[in-house]
Amino acid sequence: MIARRISISMDSRIRFKFRSQDFENIYRKIYWALHPKEEIPELELRIVGSTEMQRANKSFRGKNRPTDVLSFHSQREDFLGSLMIDIQTARRQAKEFKHSPLCEIQELFVHGVLHLLNYDHERPQEAAAMAKLENHFNRLWKTTKRK
């Protein structure tokens, strides 16, 4: 059995079902596609509420409002970093984009992992490259389901 590379935590007040193995599988696919033959570092995923996300966004980005996903890089080689995903913002966005909250969280996860791998969307050329990768990896979620 392959060792787990993702630690997932969720506030006990949040009710949301997902398969952690699906997140593990897509993380491996993303990492190996972009960094073949490298050891996959650990990753932390925290699913939080809007209050905690707003505090983090204010503290780290100076923006006093919740956001959908935050990524925090690590300096350790064996630990890529941490992702925070706001479940309430994800649920609102899912409604807006007419898909499930799980689908939205999966898309935010891919987006966050790409940020941890130093992809960005500040300039148009970077944004186009990142969007292409996001679209590719978001389509792969279908292949991470139970086989």
N, C-alpha and C. Protein backbone atom coordinates (compact mmCIF):
# COMPACT_ATOMS: atom_id res chain seq x y z
N MET A 1 0.84 -1.20 0.00
CA MET A 1 0.00 0.00 0.00
C MET A 1 0.88 1.25 0.00
N ILE A 2 0.49 2.24 -0.77
CA ILE A 2 1.22 3.49 -0.86
C ILE A 2 0.86 4.37 0.33
N ALA A 3 1.88 5.00 0.91
CA ALA A 3 1.66 5.87 2.07
C ALA A 3 0.82 7.08 1.68
N ARG A 4 -0.02 7.49 2.59
CA ARG A 4 -0.84 8.68 2.38
C ARG A 4 0.05 9.91 2.36
N ARG A 5 -0.28 10.84 1.48
CA ARG A 5 0.49 12.08 1.36
C ARG A 5 -0.35 13.28 1.78
N ILE A 6 -1.64 13.09 2.01
CA ILE A 6 -2.52 14.20 2.37
C ILE A 6 -3.11 13.97 3.76
N SER A 7 -3.07 15.02 4.54
CA SER A 7 -3.75 15.05 5.83
C SER A 7 -4.95 15.98 5.66
N ILE A 8 -6.15 15.45 5.90
CA ILE A 8 -7.37 16.25 5.73
C ILE A 8 -8.04 16.44 7.07
N SER A 9 -8.34 17.69 7.40
CA SER A 9 -9.08 17.96 8.63
C SER A 9 -10.25 18.88 8.32
N MET A 10 -11.26 18.77 9.17
CA MET A 10 -12.47 19.56 8.97
C MET A 10 -13.02 19.90 10.35
N ASP A 11 -13.46 21.13 10.51
CA ASP A 11 -14.10 21.57 11.75
C ASP A 11 -15.25 20.62 12.06
N SER A 12 -15.37 20.22 13.31
CA SER A 12 -16.38 19.23 13.71
C SER A 12 -17.81 19.72 13.48
N ARG A 13 -18.00 21.02 13.35
CA ARG A 13 -19.36 21.56 13.12
C ARG A 13 -19.76 21.50 11.65
N ILE A 14 -18.80 21.23 10.77
CA ILE A 14 -19.08 21.18 9.33
C ILE A 14 -19.56 19.79 8.96
N ARG A 15 -20.65 19.75 8.23
CA ARG A 15 -21.20 18.49 7.74
C ARG A 15 -20.97 18.43 6.23
N PHE A 16 -20.08 17.55 5.85
CA PHE A 16 -19.76 17.42 4.44
C PHE A 16 -19.12 16.07 4.22
N LYS A 17 -19.62 15.32 3.23
CA LYS A 17 -19.09 13.99 2.95
C LYS A 17 -18.23 14.01 1.69
N PHE A 18 -17.11 13.33 1.77
CA PHE A 18 -16.22 13.18 0.63
C PHE A 18 -15.35 11.96 0.87
N ARG A 19 -14.73 11.49 -0.19
CA ARG A 19 -13.81 10.36 -0.07
C ARG A 19 -12.38 10.90 -0.08
N SER A 20 -11.68 10.77 1.04
CA SER A 20 -10.32 11.30 1.11
C SER A 20 -9.41 10.65 0.07
N GLN A 21 -9.68 9.40 -0.28
CA GLN A 21 -8.85 8.72 -1.27
C GLN A 21 -8.93 9.41 -2.64
N ASP A 22 -10.07 10.00 -2.97
CA ASP A 22 -10.18 10.72 -4.24
C ASP A 22 -9.23 11.92 -4.27
N PHE A 23 -9.12 12.63 -3.13
CA PHE A 23 -8.21 13.77 -3.05
C PHE A 23 -6.76 13.29 -3.13
N GLU A 24 -6.49 12.19 -2.47
CA GLU A 24 -5.16 11.58 -2.52
C GLU A 24 -4.78 11.22 -3.97
N ASN A 25 -5.69 10.58 -4.66
CA ASN A 25 -5.42 10.15 -6.03
C ASN A 25 -5.18 11.32 -6.98
N ILE A 26 -6.00 12.34 -6.89
CA ILE A 26 -5.81 13.47 -7.82
C ILE A 26 -4.55 14.23 -7.48
N TYR A 27 -4.22 14.34 -6.19
CA TYR A 27 -2.97 15.01 -5.81
C TYR A 27 -1.78 14.28 -6.42
N ARG A 28 -1.79 12.96 -6.35
CA ARG A 28 -0.69 12.18 -6.94
C ARG A 28 -0.62 12.41 -8.45
N LYS A 29 -1.77 12.44 -9.11
CA LYS A 29 -1.79 12.65 -10.56
C LYS A 29 -1.23 14.03 -10.93
N ILE A 30 -1.64 15.04 -10.18
CA ILE A 30 -1.15 16.39 -10.44
C ILE A 30 0.36 16.45 -10.23
N TYR A 31 0.79 15.95 -9.07
CA TYR A 31 2.20 16.07 -8.74
C TYR A 31 3.08 15.30 -9.72
N TRP A 32 2.71 14.07 -10.00
CA TRP A 32 3.53 13.26 -10.92
C TRP A 32 3.50 13.81 -12.35
N ALA A 33 2.40 14.41 -12.77
CA ALA A 33 2.34 14.99 -14.11
C ALA A 33 3.29 16.19 -14.24
N LEU A 34 3.42 16.96 -13.16
CA LEU A 34 4.22 18.17 -13.22
C LEU A 34 5.65 17.97 -12.70
N HIS A 35 5.85 16.92 -11.90
CA HIS A 35 7.16 16.62 -11.32
C HIS A 35 7.43 15.12 -11.39
N PRO A 36 7.55 14.58 -12.61
CA PRO A 36 7.74 13.14 -12.73
C PRO A 36 9.02 12.68 -12.02
N LYS A 37 8.93 11.50 -11.47
CA LYS A 37 10.05 10.83 -10.81
C LYS A 37 10.46 11.45 -9.47
N GLU A 38 9.77 12.48 -9.03
CA GLU A 38 10.10 13.07 -7.73
C GLU A 38 9.23 12.44 -6.64
N GLU A 39 9.76 12.41 -5.45
CA GLU A 39 9.00 11.95 -4.28
C GLU A 39 7.87 12.94 -4.03
N ILE A 40 6.69 12.43 -3.78
CA ILE A 40 5.54 13.31 -3.54
C ILE A 40 5.58 13.81 -2.10
N PRO A 41 5.64 15.13 -1.92
CA PRO A 41 5.65 15.66 -0.55
C PRO A 41 4.26 15.60 0.08
N GLU A 42 4.23 15.68 1.38
CA GLU A 42 2.95 15.71 2.10
C GLU A 42 2.24 17.03 1.85
N LEU A 43 0.95 17.00 2.09
CA LEU A 43 0.10 18.16 1.88
C LEU A 43 -0.98 18.14 2.96
N GLU A 44 -1.31 19.31 3.48
CA GLU A 44 -2.39 19.42 4.46
C GLU A 44 -3.57 20.14 3.80
N LEU A 45 -4.76 19.58 3.97
CA LEU A 45 -6.00 20.21 3.50
C LEU A 45 -6.89 20.43 4.71
N ARG A 46 -7.29 21.69 4.91
CA ARG A 46 -8.21 22.02 5.99
C ARG A 46 -9.48 22.59 5.38
N ILE A 47 -10.61 22.00 5.72
CA ILE A 47 -11.91 22.52 5.28
C ILE A 47 -12.48 23.28 6.46
N VAL A 48 -12.70 24.58 6.25
CA VAL A 48 -13.07 25.47 7.35
C VAL A 48 -14.35 26.24 7.01
N GLY A 49 -14.86 26.94 8.00
CA GLY A 49 -16.00 27.82 7.81
C GLY A 49 -15.54 29.23 7.45
N SER A 50 -16.49 30.08 7.10
CA SER A 50 -16.18 31.43 6.64
C SER A 50 -15.52 32.30 7.70
N THR A 51 -15.87 32.11 8.97
CA THR A 51 -15.28 32.92 10.02
C THR A 51 -13.78 32.66 10.12
N GLU A 52 -13.40 31.39 10.14
CA GLU A 52 -11.98 31.06 10.20
C GLU A 52 -11.25 31.51 8.94
N MET A 53 -11.89 31.35 7.79
CA MET A 53 -11.27 31.76 6.54
C MET A 53 -11.07 33.27 6.50
N GLN A 54 -12.06 34.02 6.97
CA GLN A 54 -11.93 35.48 6.98
C GLN A 54 -10.77 35.91 7.87
N ARG A 55 -10.63 35.27 9.03
CA ARG A 55 -9.50 35.59 9.93
C ARG A 55 -8.17 35.32 9.23
N ALA A 56 -8.06 34.17 8.58
CA ALA A 56 -6.82 33.82 7.89
C ALA A 56 -6.55 34.78 6.72
N ASN A 57 -7.57 35.10 5.96
CA ASN A 57 -7.42 36.00 4.82
C ASN A 57 -6.97 37.39 5.28
N LYS A 58 -7.52 37.85 6.40
CA LYS A 58 -7.12 39.15 6.94
C LYS A 58 -5.68 39.10 7.44
N SER A 59 -5.36 38.05 8.15
CA SER A 59 -4.03 37.91 8.74
C SER A 59 -2.94 37.78 7.68
N PHE A 60 -3.17 36.96 6.65
CA PHE A 60 -2.12 36.66 5.69
C PHE A 60 -2.16 37.51 4.42
N ARG A 61 -3.33 38.03 4.07
CA ARG A 61 -3.44 38.80 2.83
C ARG A 61 -3.94 40.22 3.04
N GLY A 62 -4.31 40.54 4.29
CA GLY A 62 -4.79 41.89 4.58
C GLY A 62 -6.18 42.18 4.04
N LYS A 63 -6.93 41.12 3.71
CA LYS A 63 -8.29 41.28 3.17
C LYS A 63 -9.29 40.77 4.20
N ASN A 64 -10.12 41.66 4.70
CA ASN A 64 -11.06 41.33 5.77
C ASN A 64 -12.37 40.76 5.24
N ARG A 65 -12.25 39.64 4.54
CA ARG A 65 -13.42 38.93 4.01
C ARG A 65 -13.00 37.48 3.75
N PRO A 66 -13.97 36.59 3.75
CA PRO A 66 -13.62 35.20 3.43
C PRO A 66 -13.25 35.09 1.95
N THR A 67 -12.53 34.05 1.63
CA THR A 67 -12.20 33.73 0.25
C THR A 67 -12.41 32.23 0.07
N ASP A 68 -12.36 31.74 -1.13
CA ASP A 68 -12.66 30.33 -1.35
C ASP A 68 -11.52 29.40 -0.96
N VAL A 69 -10.28 29.77 -1.32
CA VAL A 69 -9.15 28.89 -1.02
C VAL A 69 -7.91 29.73 -0.74
N LEU A 70 -7.13 29.30 0.22
CA LEU A 70 -5.83 29.90 0.52
C LEU A 70 -4.79 28.80 0.48
N SER A 71 -3.61 29.15 0.00
CA SER A 71 -2.51 28.19 -0.01
C SER A 71 -1.33 28.78 0.75
N PHE A 72 -0.66 27.92 1.50
CA PHE A 72 0.47 28.32 2.32
C PHE A 72 1.65 27.41 2.00
N HIS A 73 2.67 27.97 1.38
CA HIS A 73 3.85 27.20 1.00
C HIS A 73 4.65 26.78 2.23
N SER A 74 5.36 25.70 2.07
CA SER A 74 6.25 25.21 3.11
C SER A 74 7.69 25.33 2.61
N GLN A 75 8.61 25.46 3.53
CA GLN A 75 10.02 25.49 3.19
C GLN A 75 10.64 24.09 3.25
N ARG A 76 9.90 23.13 3.78
CA ARG A 76 10.40 21.76 3.89
C ARG A 76 10.26 21.02 2.57
N GLU A 77 11.24 20.21 2.23
CA GLU A 77 11.18 19.43 1.00
C GLU A 77 10.12 18.34 1.05
N ASP A 78 9.86 17.80 2.23
CA ASP A 78 8.92 16.68 2.35
C ASP A 78 7.49 17.15 2.64
N PHE A 79 7.25 18.46 2.65
CA PHE A 79 5.93 19.02 2.94
C PHE A 79 5.67 20.17 1.97
N LEU A 80 4.75 19.97 1.03
CA LEU A 80 4.47 20.98 0.02
C LEU A 80 3.84 22.23 0.62
N GLY A 81 2.89 22.03 1.54
CA GLY A 81 2.23 23.17 2.16
C GLY A 81 0.82 22.82 2.62
N SER A 82 0.07 23.87 2.93
CA SER A 82 -1.29 23.71 3.44
C SER A 82 -2.28 24.45 2.56
N LEU A 83 -3.46 23.86 2.45
CA LEU A 83 -4.58 24.49 1.76
C LEU A 83 -5.71 24.66 2.75
N MET A 84 -6.39 25.79 2.68
CA MET A 84 -7.63 26.01 3.43
C MET A 84 -8.72 26.25 2.39
N ILE A 85 -9.81 25.53 2.53
CA ILE A 85 -10.97 25.73 1.65
C ILE A 85 -12.16 26.08 2.52
N ASP A 86 -12.84 27.16 2.16
CA ASP A 86 -14.01 27.63 2.90
C ASP A 86 -15.25 26.92 2.36
N ILE A 87 -15.84 26.07 3.17
CA ILE A 87 -17.00 25.28 2.76
C ILE A 87 -18.21 26.16 2.41
N GLN A 88 -18.42 27.23 3.16
CA GLN A 88 -19.59 28.08 2.89
C GLN A 88 -19.43 28.83 1.57
N THR A 89 -18.24 29.35 1.32
CA THR A 89 -17.99 30.03 0.04
C THR A 89 -18.09 29.01 -1.10
N ALA A 90 -17.56 27.82 -0.89
CA ALA A 90 -17.63 26.77 -1.91
C ALA A 90 -19.09 26.42 -2.23
N ARG A 91 -19.91 26.34 -1.21
CA ARG A 91 -21.34 26.02 -1.45
C ARG A 91 -22.02 27.13 -2.24
N ARG A 92 -21.72 28.39 -1.92
CA ARG A 92 -22.30 29.52 -2.68
C ARG A 92 -21.85 29.49 -4.13
N GLN A 93 -20.56 29.26 -4.33
CA GLN A 93 -20.03 29.22 -5.70
C GLN A 93 -20.58 28.03 -6.47
N ALA A 94 -20.78 26.92 -5.81
CA ALA A 94 -21.36 25.74 -6.48
C ALA A 94 -22.74 26.08 -7.03
N LYS A 95 -23.52 26.78 -6.24
CA LYS A 95 -24.86 27.19 -6.70
C LYS A 95 -24.75 28.10 -7.91
N GLU A 96 -23.84 29.05 -7.81
CA GLU A 96 -23.63 30.02 -8.90
C GLU A 96 -23.18 29.33 -10.19
N PHE A 97 -22.29 28.35 -10.07
CA PHE A 97 -21.76 27.66 -11.25
C PHE A 97 -22.58 26.42 -11.63
N LYS A 98 -23.65 26.19 -10.87
CA LYS A 98 -24.59 25.10 -11.16
C LYS A 98 -23.94 23.71 -11.18
N HIS A 99 -23.14 23.48 -10.12
CA HIS A 99 -22.64 22.13 -9.90
C HIS A 99 -22.64 21.84 -8.40
N SER A 100 -22.24 20.67 -8.02
CA SER A 100 -22.33 20.26 -6.61
C SER A 100 -21.25 20.93 -5.77
N PRO A 101 -21.51 21.04 -4.46
CA PRO A 101 -20.46 21.54 -3.56
C PRO A 101 -19.19 20.69 -3.61
N LEU A 102 -19.34 19.38 -3.76
CA LEU A 102 -18.17 18.52 -3.86
C LEU A 102 -17.35 18.88 -5.10
N CYS A 103 -18.01 19.08 -6.22
CA CYS A 103 -17.32 19.47 -7.45
C CYS A 103 -16.57 20.79 -7.25
N GLU A 104 -17.19 21.73 -6.58
CA GLU A 104 -16.54 23.02 -6.32
C GLU A 104 -15.31 22.85 -5.43
N ILE A 105 -15.43 22.04 -4.39
CA ILE A 105 -14.29 21.81 -3.51
C ILE A 105 -13.17 21.10 -4.26
N GLN A 106 -13.52 20.18 -5.13
CA GLN A 106 -12.50 19.51 -5.93
C GLN A 106 -11.77 20.52 -6.83
N GLU A 107 -12.51 21.42 -7.44
CA GLU A 107 -11.90 22.43 -8.30
C GLU A 107 -11.02 23.37 -7.49
N LEU A 108 -11.47 23.75 -6.30
CA LEU A 108 -10.67 24.62 -5.44
C LEU A 108 -9.40 23.90 -4.98
N PHE A 109 -9.51 22.61 -4.74
CA PHE A 109 -8.35 21.81 -4.35
C PHE A 109 -7.31 21.83 -5.48
N VAL A 110 -7.73 21.58 -6.70
CA VAL A 110 -6.81 21.60 -7.84
C VAL A 110 -6.16 22.98 -7.95
N HIS A 111 -6.96 24.02 -7.84
CA HIS A 111 -6.46 25.40 -7.92
C HIS A 111 -5.40 25.65 -6.85
N GLY A 112 -5.70 25.24 -5.63
CA GLY A 112 -4.77 25.43 -4.53
C GLY A 112 -3.48 24.65 -4.69
N VAL A 113 -3.59 23.40 -5.12
CA VAL A 113 -2.38 22.58 -5.34
C VAL A 113 -1.50 23.24 -6.40
N LEU A 114 -2.10 23.75 -7.46
CA LEU A 114 -1.31 24.42 -8.49
C LEU A 114 -0.59 25.65 -7.93
N HIS A 115 -1.26 26.39 -7.06
CA HIS A 115 -0.58 27.52 -6.41
C HIS A 115 0.61 27.03 -5.59
N LEU A 116 0.43 25.94 -4.85
CA LEU A 116 1.54 25.40 -4.06
C LEU A 116 2.69 24.93 -4.95
N LEU A 117 2.38 24.60 -6.19
CA LEU A 117 3.40 24.18 -7.15
C LEU A 117 3.91 25.38 -7.97
N ASN A 118 3.63 26.59 -7.44
CA ASN A 118 4.14 27.86 -7.99
C ASN A 118 3.50 28.30 -9.30
N TYR A 119 2.29 27.85 -9.56
CA TYR A 119 1.53 28.39 -10.68
C TYR A 119 0.71 29.56 -10.17
N ASP A 120 0.50 30.55 -11.02
CA ASP A 120 -0.23 31.74 -10.60
C ASP A 120 -1.09 32.24 -11.74
N HIS A 121 -1.90 33.25 -11.44
CA HIS A 121 -2.80 33.81 -12.45
C HIS A 121 -2.81 35.33 -12.40
N GLU A 122 -1.68 35.90 -12.00
CA GLU A 122 -1.58 37.37 -11.91
C GLU A 122 -1.47 38.02 -13.29
N ARG A 123 -0.70 37.42 -14.18
CA ARG A 123 -0.52 37.96 -15.53
C ARG A 123 -1.28 37.09 -16.52
N PRO A 124 -1.75 37.67 -17.62
CA PRO A 124 -2.57 36.92 -18.58
C PRO A 124 -1.94 35.61 -19.06
N GLN A 125 -0.66 35.62 -19.37
CA GLN A 125 -0.02 34.40 -19.86
C GLN A 125 0.01 33.32 -18.78
N GLU A 126 0.30 33.73 -17.53
CA GLU A 126 0.29 32.78 -16.41
C GLU A 126 -1.12 32.24 -16.18
N ALA A 127 -2.09 33.14 -16.26
CA ALA A 127 -3.49 32.75 -16.03
C ALA A 127 -3.94 31.72 -17.05
N ALA A 128 -3.55 31.91 -18.31
CA ALA A 128 -3.94 30.98 -19.36
C ALA A 128 -3.31 29.61 -19.12
N ALA A 129 -2.04 29.59 -18.75
CA ALA A 129 -1.36 28.31 -18.49
C ALA A 129 -1.98 27.60 -17.28
N MET A 130 -2.28 28.36 -16.24
CA MET A 130 -2.87 27.76 -15.05
C MET A 130 -4.28 27.25 -15.35
N ALA A 131 -5.06 28.01 -16.09
CA ALA A 131 -6.43 27.59 -16.44
C ALA A 131 -6.41 26.31 -17.26
N LYS A 132 -5.46 26.18 -18.16
CA LYS A 132 -5.34 24.97 -18.98
C LYS A 132 -5.06 23.76 -18.08
N LEU A 133 -4.15 23.93 -17.13
CA LEU A 133 -3.85 22.83 -16.19
C LEU A 133 -5.06 22.51 -15.32
N GLU A 134 -5.73 23.55 -14.82
CA GLU A 134 -6.92 23.33 -13.99
C GLU A 134 -7.97 22.53 -14.76
N ASN A 135 -8.24 22.93 -15.98
CA ASN A 135 -9.24 22.21 -16.78
C ASN A 135 -8.84 20.75 -16.98
N HIS A 136 -7.58 20.53 -17.28
CA HIS A 136 -7.09 19.16 -17.47
C HIS A 136 -7.28 18.33 -16.20
N PHE A 137 -6.80 18.83 -15.08
CA PHE A 137 -6.86 18.04 -13.84
C PHE A 137 -8.28 17.93 -13.30
N ASN A 138 -9.12 18.93 -13.52
CA ASN A 138 -10.51 18.83 -13.07
C ASN A 138 -11.24 17.73 -13.83
N ARG A 139 -10.90 17.53 -15.10
CA ARG A 139 -11.50 16.43 -15.86
C ARG A 139 -11.06 15.07 -15.31
N LEU A 140 -9.87 15.01 -14.73
CA LEU A 140 -9.36 13.74 -14.20
C LEU A 140 -10.07 13.26 -12.94
N TRP A 141 -10.83 14.13 -12.27
CA TRP A 141 -11.56 13.69 -11.07
C TRP A 141 -12.41 12.47 -11.39
N LYS A 142 -12.96 12.44 -12.59
CA LYS A 142 -13.82 11.32 -12.97
C LYS A 142 -13.08 10.00 -12.89
N THR A 143 -11.78 10.02 -13.18
CA THR A 143 -11.00 8.78 -13.18
C THR A 143 -10.48 8.41 -11.80
N THR A 144 -10.74 9.28 -10.79
CA THR A 144 -10.28 8.95 -9.43
C THR A 144 -11.34 8.20 -8.66
N LYS A 145 -12.52 8.09 -9.22
CA LYS A 145 -13.60 7.38 -8.52
C LYS A 145 -13.28 5.92 -8.34
N ARG A 146 -14.02 5.25 -7.50
CA ARG A 146 -13.79 3.83 -7.21
C ARG A 146 -13.65 3.01 -8.46
N LYS A 147 -12.63 2.19 -8.46
CA LYS A 147 -12.42 1.31 -9.61
C LYS A 147 -12.55 -0.12 -9.18
